[in-house]
Amino acid sequence: MTEETLATEATEASPSNLAESTQAPKTYTQKEVDDMMARTKTAITKKVASRYEDLGDPEHIRQVLDQHAKREQDLALKRGEFEKVLQEKLSQRDTEIQKRDRIIEEFKLNTPLLDAAARHRAVNPDQVKALIRNNVRLGQDGEVEVLDTEGKVRYDDSGRLLSVDSFVQSWLQSNPHFVQATPSTTSSRSNVSGSSDKLDVTKLDMSNPEHRKLYAEFRKTSGIVK
């Protein structure tokens, strides 16, 4: 081996060349890493926040949104309470309407049917009323309407609504087995003034004690109550 070759090999194997070829990668301390992350976060925050600068301080915006959400929640609770109260009021109103309708039906439908059956000597006025009750109703104007088998409103020969009394009388004539065998001796009675005209119970005012007394006496003399 020549001296030139030995010199070249010695140069390539020198300590400086060996250090360069085996140099370790650069390492960072935790503080350096934290500083780099902080700088990156700051840069990103500024970049994003710059788009919303016109809206004001982000913390203020967050407070406004929180207040709005709370206000909406309070309003929802109030709406729920209002709806509950409204439902209770509607229920009470429906109850009052039903009660009123029952009272009206009693004095404009049930009572006239029962009294007409008694006046026309029905054996059992309550039974007759139950049999024909579905044939009468209150019209939209509050007038009593008598219906035929097809559900159509019936009229008399004068073109007026057929009265309950005429309907009951006609029905009993068509069903004589519901009529007493002997005529009643109380087919007519005197009213308070002493007149011999038949009592029209549909015109009685049940809030008047005298009328209630008159009605009770009429039911007794007509055979409705024993």
C-alpha atoms as a PDB file:
ATOM      1  CA  MET A   1       0.000   0.000   0.000  1.00  0.00           C
ATOM      2  CA  THR A   2       1.421   3.361  -0.953  1.00  0.00           C
ATOM      3  CA  GLU A   3       1.847   6.330   1.325  1.00  0.00           C
ATOM      4  CA  GLU A   4      -0.739   8.283  -0.747  1.00  0.00           C
ATOM      5  CA  THR A   5      -3.375   5.597  -0.205  1.00  0.00           C
ATOM      6  CA  LEU A   6      -2.685   5.484   3.522  1.00  0.00           C
ATOM      7  CA  ALA A   7      -3.025   9.219   3.762  1.00  0.00           C
ATOM      8  CA  THR A   8      -6.386   9.175   1.981  1.00  0.00           C
ATOM      9  CA  GLU A   9      -7.775   6.463   4.248  1.00  0.00           C
ATOM     10  CA  ALA A  10      -6.549   8.254   7.307  1.00  0.00           C
ATOM     11  CA  THR A  11      -8.263  11.423   6.177  1.00  0.00           C
ATOM     12  CA  GLU A  12     -11.609   9.685   5.553  1.00  0.00           C
ATOM     13  CA  ALA A  13     -11.405   8.009   8.947  1.00  0.00           C
ATOM     14  CA  SER A  14     -10.537  11.191  10.846  1.00  0.00           C
ATOM     15  CA  PRO A  15     -12.588  12.046  14.024  1.00  0.00           C
ATOM     16  CA  SER A  16     -14.165  15.131  12.439  1.00  0.00           C
ATOM     17  CA  ASN A  17     -15.589  13.122   9.558  1.00  0.00           C
ATOM     18  CA  LEU A  18     -16.847  10.426  11.895  1.00  0.00           C
ATOM     19  CA  ALA A  19     -18.640  13.027  14.092  1.00  0.00           C
ATOM     20  CA  GLU A  20     -20.431  14.530  11.102  1.00  0.00           C
ATOM     21  CA  SER A  21     -21.689  11.132   9.939  1.00  0.00           C
ATOM     22  CA  THR A  22     -22.965  10.084  13.380  1.00  0.00           C
ATOM     23  CA  GLN A  23     -24.364  13.471  14.583  1.00  0.00           C
ATOM     24  CA  ALA A  24     -27.663  12.980  16.709  1.00  0.00           C
ATOM     25  CA  PRO A  25     -31.001  14.834  15.704  1.00  0.00           C
ATOM     26  CA  LYS A  26     -31.747  18.127  17.477  1.00  0.00           C
ATOM     27  CA  THR A  27     -33.863  17.828  20.619  1.00  0.00           C
ATOM     28  CA  TYR A  28     -36.100  20.479  22.337  1.00  0.00           C
ATOM     29  CA  THR A  29     -36.803  21.138  25.933  1.00  0.00           C
ATOM     30  CA  GLN A  30     -40.386  21.113  27.287  1.00  0.00           C
ATOM     31  CA  LYS A  31     -40.317  24.897  27.593  1.00  0.00           C
ATOM     32  CA  GLU A  32     -39.347  25.266  23.960  1.00  0.00           C
ATOM     33  CA  VAL A  33     -42.211  22.988  22.929  1.00  0.00           C
ATOM     34  CA  ASP A  34     -44.677  24.908  25.125  1.00  0.00           C
ATOM     35  CA  ASP A  35     -43.511  28.209  23.686  1.00  0.00           C
ATOM     36  CA  MET A  36     -43.944  26.958  20.130  1.00  0.00           C
ATOM     37  CA  MET A  37     -47.476  25.659  20.903  1.00  0.00           C
ATOM     38  CA  ALA A  38     -48.415  28.956  22.549  1.00  0.00           C
ATOM     39  CA  ARG A  39     -47.190  30.931  19.536  1.00  0.00           C
ATOM     40  CA  THR A  40     -49.110  28.643  17.193  1.00  0.00           C
ATOM     41  CA  LYS A  41     -52.302  28.914  19.254  1.00  0.00           C
ATOM     42  CA  THR A  42     -52.014  32.686  19.401  1.00  0.00           C
ATOM     43  CA  ALA A  43     -51.539  32.902  15.664  1.00  0.00           C
ATOM     44  CA  ILE A  44     -54.551  30.677  14.976  1.00  0.00           C
ATOM     45  CA  THR A  45     -56.728  32.547  17.490  1.00  0.00           C
ATOM     46  CA  LYS A  46     -55.858  35.898  15.918  1.00  0.00           C
ATOM     47  CA  LYS A  47     -56.579  34.524  12.465  1.00  0.00           C
ATOM     48  CA  VAL A  48     -60.003  33.179  13.452  1.00  0.00           C
ATOM     49  CA  ALA A  49     -60.937  36.102  15.701  1.00  0.00           C
ATOM     50  CA  SER A  50     -60.135  38.603  12.994  1.00  0.00           C
ATOM     51  CA  ARG A  51     -63.208  37.390  11.081  1.00  0.00           C
ATOM     52  CA  TYR A  52     -65.532  38.300  13.986  1.00  0.00           C
ATOM     53  CA  GLU A  53     -63.908  41.499  15.228  1.00  0.00           C
ATOM     54  CA  ASP A  54     -67.003  43.521  14.288  1.00  0.00           C
ATOM     55  CA  LEU A  55     -69.128  41.454  16.699  1.00  0.00           C
ATOM     56  CA  GLY A  56     -67.243  42.637  19.747  1.00  0.00           C
ATOM     57  CA  ASP A  57     -65.578  40.879  22.617  1.00  0.00           C
ATOM     58  CA  PRO A  58     -66.071  37.069  22.462  1.00  0.00           C
ATOM     59  CA  GLU A  59     -66.665  36.856  26.205  1.00  0.00           C
ATOM     60  CA  HIS A  60     -69.402  39.480  25.950  1.00  0.00           C
ATOM     61  CA  ILE A  61     -70.960  37.582  23.068  1.00  0.00           C
ATOM     62  CA  ARG A  62     -70.952  34.399  25.158  1.00  0.00           C
ATOM     63  CA  GLN A  63     -72.712  36.202  28.016  1.00  0.00           C
ATOM     64  CA  VAL A  64     -75.363  37.569  25.652  1.00  0.00           C
ATOM     65  CA  LEU A  65     -76.007  34.104  24.252  1.00  0.00           C
ATOM     66  CA  ASP A  66     -76.285  32.632  27.749  1.00  0.00           C
ATOM     67  CA  GLN A  67     -78.784  35.322  28.761  1.00  0.00           C
ATOM     68  CA  HIS A  68     -80.820  34.715  25.605  1.00  0.00           C
ATOM     69  CA  ALA A  69     -80.931  30.970  26.249  1.00  0.00           C
ATOM     70  CA  LYS A  70     -82.095  31.546  29.838  1.00  0.00           C
ATOM     71  CA  ARG A  71     -84.755  33.996  28.694  1.00  0.00           C
ATOM     72  CA  GLU A  72     -86.050  31.495  26.139  1.00  0.00           C
ATOM     73  CA  GLN A  73     -86.186  28.835  28.846  1.00  0.00           C
ATOM     74  CA  ASP A  74     -88.159  31.134  31.161  1.00  0.00           C
ATOM     75  CA  LEU A  75     -90.581  31.997  28.367  1.00  0.00           C
ATOM     76  CA  ALA A  76     -91.062  28.301  27.612  1.00  0.00           C
ATOM     77  CA  LEU A  77     -91.929  27.655  31.248  1.00  0.00           C
ATOM     78  CA  LYS A  78     -94.381  30.554  31.262  1.00  0.00           C
ATOM     79  CA  ARG A  79     -95.972  29.315  28.038  1.00  0.00           C
ATOM     80  CA  GLY A  80     -96.355  25.898  29.606  1.00  0.00           C
ATOM     81  CA  GLU A  81     -98.047  27.389  32.664  1.00  0.00           C
ATOM     82  CA  PHE A  82    -100.296  29.550  30.466  1.00  0.00           C
ATOM     83  CA  GLU A  83    -101.313  26.576  28.348  1.00  0.00           C
ATOM     84  CA  LYS A  84    -102.083  24.615  31.506  1.00  0.00           C
ATOM     85  CA  VAL A  85    -104.282  27.416  32.831  1.00  0.00           C
ATOM     86  CA  LEU A  86    -105.912  27.778  29.421  1.00  0.00           C
ATOM     87  CA  GLN A  87    -106.706  24.064  29.282  1.00  0.00           C
ATOM     88  CA  GLU A  88    -108.236  24.245  32.759  1.00  0.00           C
ATOM     89  CA  LYS A  89    -110.369  27.211  31.705  1.00  0.00           C
ATOM     90  CA  LEU A  90    -111.490  25.444  28.540  1.00  0.00           C
ATOM     91  CA  SER A  91    -112.364  22.349  30.545  1.00  0.00           C
ATOM     92  CA  GLN A  92    -114.406  24.435  32.979  1.00  0.00           C
ATOM     93  CA  ARG A  93    -116.153  26.152  30.089  1.00  0.00           C
ATOM     94  CA  ASP A  94    -117.002  22.812  28.464  1.00  0.00           C
ATOM     95  CA  THR A  95    -118.366  21.554  31.777  1.00  0.00           C
ATOM     96  CA  GLU A  96    -120.538  24.658  32.146  1.00  0.00           C
ATOM     97  CA  ILE A  97    -121.791  24.303  28.570  1.00  0.00           C
ATOM     98  CA  GLN A  98    -122.671  20.660  29.115  1.00  0.00           C
ATOM     99  CA  LYS A  99    -124.451  21.532  32.345  1.00  0.00           C
ATOM    100  CA  ARG A 100    -126.389  24.303  30.611  1.00  0.00           C
ATOM    101  CA  ASP A 101    -127.307  22.001  27.717  1.00  0.00           C
ATOM    102  CA  ARG A 102    -128.594  19.356  30.132  1.00  0.00           C
ATOM    103  CA  ILE A 103    -130.801  21.921  31.866  1.00  0.00           C
ATOM    104  CA  ILE A 104    -132.147  23.190  28.547  1.00  0.00           C
ATOM    105  CA  GLU A 105    -132.838  19.665  27.320  1.00  0.00           C
ATOM    106  CA  GLU A 106    -134.582  18.808  30.565  1.00  0.00           C
ATOM    107  CA  PHE A 107    -137.049  21.707  30.370  1.00  0.00           C
ATOM    108  CA  LYS A 108    -137.480  21.930  26.599  1.00  0.00           C
ATOM    109  CA  LEU A 109    -137.367  18.238  25.659  1.00  0.00           C
ATOM    110  CA  ASN A 110    -137.625  15.731  28.500  1.00  0.00           C
ATOM    111  CA  THR A 111    -140.224  17.518  30.624  1.00  0.00           C
ATOM    112  CA  PRO A 112    -142.576  18.351  27.699  1.00  0.00           C
ATOM    113  CA  LEU A 113    -142.375  14.748  26.456  1.00  0.00           C
ATOM    114  CA  LEU A 114    -143.169  13.372  29.878  1.00  0.00           C
ATOM    115  CA  ASP A 115    -146.024  15.775  30.467  1.00  0.00           C
ATOM    116  CA  ALA A 116    -147.523  15.216  27.019  1.00  0.00           C
ATOM    117  CA  ALA A 117    -147.442  11.462  27.555  1.00  0.00           C
ATOM    118  CA  ALA A 118    -149.268  11.897  30.885  1.00  0.00           C
ATOM    119  CA  ARG A 119    -151.872  14.250  29.417  1.00  0.00           C
ATOM    120  CA  HIS A 120    -152.659  11.789  26.651  1.00  0.00           C
ATOM    121  CA  ARG A 121    -153.139   8.981  29.178  1.00  0.00           C
ATOM    122  CA  ALA A 122    -149.989   6.948  28.593  1.00  0.00           C
ATOM    123  CA  VAL A 123    -149.853   3.890  30.843  1.00  0.00           C
ATOM    124  CA  ASN A 124    -146.215   4.640  31.671  1.00  0.00           C
ATOM    125  CA  PRO A 125    -145.168   8.201  30.681  1.00  0.00           C
ATOM    126  CA  ASP A 126    -141.508   7.579  31.514  1.00  0.00           C
ATOM    127  CA  GLN A 127    -141.401   4.542  29.235  1.00  0.00           C
ATOM    128  CA  VAL A 128    -143.008   6.470  26.392  1.00  0.00           C
ATOM    129  CA  LYS A 129    -140.556   9.318  26.839  1.00  0.00           C
ATOM    130  CA  ALA A 130    -137.631   6.904  26.664  1.00  0.00           C
ATOM    131  CA  LEU A 131    -139.002   5.319  23.483  1.00  0.00           C
ATOM    132  CA  ILE A 132    -139.475   8.558  21.562  1.00  0.00           C
ATOM    133  CA  ARG A 133    -136.727  10.728  23.053  1.00  0.00           C
ATOM    134  CA  ASN A 134    -134.425  10.256  20.042  1.00  0.00           C
ATOM    135  CA  ASN A 135    -137.130  11.699  17.778  1.00  0.00           C
ATOM    136  CA  VAL A 136    -136.819  15.194  19.219  1.00  0.00           C
ATOM    137  CA  ARG A 137    -133.905  17.598  19.358  1.00  0.00           C
ATOM    138  CA  LEU A 138    -133.008  21.241  19.788  1.00  0.00           C
ATOM    139  CA  GLY A 139    -132.337  23.080  16.537  1.00  0.00           C
ATOM    140  CA  GLN A 140    -129.586  25.631  16.027  1.00  0.00           C
ATOM    141  CA  ASP A 141    -131.991  28.412  16.964  1.00  0.00           C
ATOM    142  CA  GLY A 142    -132.984  26.607  20.174  1.00  0.00           C
ATOM    143  CA  GLU A 143    -136.393  25.516  18.914  1.00  0.00           C
ATOM    144  CA  VAL A 144    -137.628  21.982  19.539  1.00  0.00           C
ATOM    145  CA  GLU A 145    -137.627  19.888  16.364  1.00  0.00           C
ATOM    146  CA  VAL A 146    -139.474  16.602  15.874  1.00  0.00           C
ATOM    147  CA  LEU A 147    -137.776  14.166  13.486  1.00  0.00           C
ATOM    148  CA  ASP A 148    -139.213  11.436  11.295  1.00  0.00           C
ATOM    149  CA  THR A 149    -137.706   7.978  10.849  1.00  0.00           C
ATOM    150  CA  GLU A 150    -135.244   9.368   8.284  1.00  0.00           C
ATOM    151  CA  GLY A 151    -134.055  12.108  10.603  1.00  0.00           C
ATOM    152  CA  LYS A 152    -135.865  14.901   8.754  1.00  0.00           C
ATOM    153  CA  VAL A 153    -137.642  17.714  10.591  1.00  0.00           C
ATOM    154  CA  ARG A 154    -141.420  17.295  10.714  1.00  0.00           C
ATOM    155  CA  TYR A 155    -143.959  20.097  10.177  1.00  0.00           C
ATOM    156  CA  ASP A 156    -147.680  20.327  10.821  1.00  0.00           C
ATOM    157  CA  ASP A 157    -150.388  21.119   8.255  1.00  0.00           C
ATOM    158  CA  SER A 158    -149.803  24.840   8.759  1.00  0.00           C
ATOM    159  CA  GLY A 159    -146.128  24.560   7.834  1.00  0.00           C
ATOM    160  CA  ARG A 160    -144.941  25.136  11.389  1.00  0.00           C
ATOM    161  CA  LEU A 161    -142.652  22.885  13.362  1.00  0.00           C
ATOM    162  CA  LEU A 162    -144.584  19.921  14.707  1.00  0.00           C
ATOM    163  CA  SER A 163    -145.121  20.426  18.432  1.00  0.00           C
ATOM    164  CA  VAL A 164    -144.072  17.906  21.048  1.00  0.00           C
ATOM    165  CA  ASP A 165    -147.659  17.562  22.222  1.00  0.00           C
ATOM    166  CA  SER A 166    -148.949  16.751  18.715  1.00  0.00           C
ATOM    167  CA  PHE A 167    -146.113  14.305  18.177  1.00  0.00           C
ATOM    168  CA  VAL A 168    -146.769  12.440  21.418  1.00  0.00           C
ATOM    169  CA  GLN A 169    -150.509  12.336  20.782  1.00  0.00           C
ATOM    170  CA  SER A 170    -149.990  10.965  17.261  1.00  0.00           C
ATOM    171  CA  TRP A 171    -147.479   8.395  18.501  1.00  0.00           C
ATOM    172  CA  LEU A 172    -149.854   7.128  21.200  1.00  0.00           C
ATOM    173  CA  GLN A 173    -152.681   6.876  18.669  1.00  0.00           C
ATOM    174  CA  SER A 174    -150.406   4.687  16.530  1.00  0.00           C
ATOM    175  CA  ASN A 175    -149.436   2.635  19.585  1.00  0.00           C
ATOM    176  CA  PRO A 176    -152.685   2.256  21.574  1.00  0.00           C
ATOM    177  CA  HIS A 177    -151.269  -0.493  23.785  1.00  0.00           C
ATOM    178  CA  PHE A 178    -149.317   2.265  25.577  1.00  0.00           C
ATOM    179  CA  VAL A 179    -152.555   4.132  26.410  1.00  0.00           C
ATOM    180  CA  GLN A 180    -154.707   3.616  29.503  1.00  0.00           C
ATOM    181  CA  ALA A 181    -157.842   1.574  28.934  1.00  0.00           C
ATOM    182  CA  THR A 182    -160.102   4.083  30.752  1.00  0.00           C
ATOM    183  CA  PRO A 183    -159.996   7.840  30.235  1.00  0.00           C
ATOM    184  CA  SER A 184    -158.422   9.906  32.927  1.00  0.00           C
ATOM    185  CA  THR A 185    -160.665  12.199  34.954  1.00  0.00           C
ATOM    186  CA  THR A 186    -157.920  14.778  35.243  1.00  0.00           C
ATOM    187  CA  SER A 187    -157.436  15.625  31.599  1.00  0.00           C
ATOM    188  CA  SER A 188    -157.636  19.307  32.408  1.00  0.00           C
ATOM    189  CA  ARG A 189    -157.061  21.420  35.457  1.00  0.00           C
ATOM    190  CA  SER A 190    -157.301  24.992  36.662  1.00  0.00           C
ATOM    191  CA  ASN A 191    -154.286  27.189  36.729  1.00  0.00           C
ATOM    192  CA  VAL A 192    -153.393  29.627  39.466  1.00  0.00           C
ATOM    193  CA  SER A 193    -155.954  32.156  38.278  1.00  0.00           C
ATOM    194  CA  GLY A 194    -158.725  29.538  38.209  1.00  0.00           C
ATOM    195  CA  SER A 195    -158.863  29.126  34.423  1.00  0.00           C
ATOM    196  CA  SER A 196    -159.751  25.681  33.095  1.00  0.00           C
ATOM    197  CA  ASP A 197    -157.162  25.842  30.281  1.00  0.00           C
ATOM    198  CA  LYS A 198    -154.538  23.104  30.188  1.00  0.00           C
ATOM    199  CA  LEU A 199    -151.245  23.965  31.822  1.00  0.00           C
ATOM    200  CA  ASP A 200    -148.407  24.623  29.357  1.00  0.00           C
ATOM    201  CA  VAL A 201    -145.384  23.424  31.342  1.00  0.00           C
ATOM    202  CA  THR A 202    -142.963  24.671  28.691  1.00  0.00           C
ATOM    203  CA  LYS A 203    -143.803  28.229  29.758  1.00  0.00           C
ATOM    204  CA  LEU A 204    -143.140  27.684  33.439  1.00  0.00           C
ATOM    205  CA  ASP A 205    -140.210  29.439  35.074  1.00  0.00           C
ATOM    206  CA  MET A 206    -138.635  26.857  37.375  1.00  0.00           C
ATOM    207  CA  SER A 207    -136.779  29.606  39.229  1.00  0.00           C
ATOM    208  CA  ASN A 208    -140.202  30.845  40.423  1.00  0.00           C
ATOM    209  CA  PRO A 209    -141.341  28.999  43.583  1.00  0.00           C
ATOM    210  CA  GLU A 210    -144.998  29.359  42.565  1.00  0.00           C
ATOM    211  CA  HIS A 211    -144.308  27.815  39.165  1.00  0.00           C
ATOM    212  CA  ARG A 212    -142.392  24.940  40.726  1.00  0.00           C
ATOM    213  CA  LYS A 213    -145.312  24.303  43.056  1.00  0.00           C
ATOM    214  CA  LEU A 214    -147.715  24.432  40.127  1.00  0.00           C
ATOM    215  CA  TYR A 215    -145.559  22.021  38.156  1.00  0.00           C
ATOM    216  CA  ALA A 216    -145.325  19.570  41.068  1.00  0.00           C
ATOM    217  CA  GLU A 217    -149.099  19.655  41.485  1.00  0.00           C
ATOM    218  CA  PHE A 218    -149.572  19.114  37.770  1.00  0.00           C
ATOM    219  CA  ARG A 219    -147.315  16.048  37.759  1.00  0.00           C
ATOM    220  CA  LYS A 220    -149.241  14.617  40.677  1.00  0.00           C
ATOM    221  CA  THR A 221    -152.687  15.163  39.157  1.00  0.00           C
ATOM    222  CA  SER A 222    -151.494  13.897  35.759  1.00  0.00           C
ATOM    223  CA  GLY A 223    -150.415  10.563  37.204  1.00  0.00           C
ATOM    224  CA  ILE A 224    -146.705  11.135  36.615  1.00  0.00           C
ATOM    225  CA  VAL A 225    -145.999  10.673  40.327  1.00  0.00           C
ATOM    226  CA  LYS A 226    -148.093   8.712  42.786  1.00  0.00           C
END
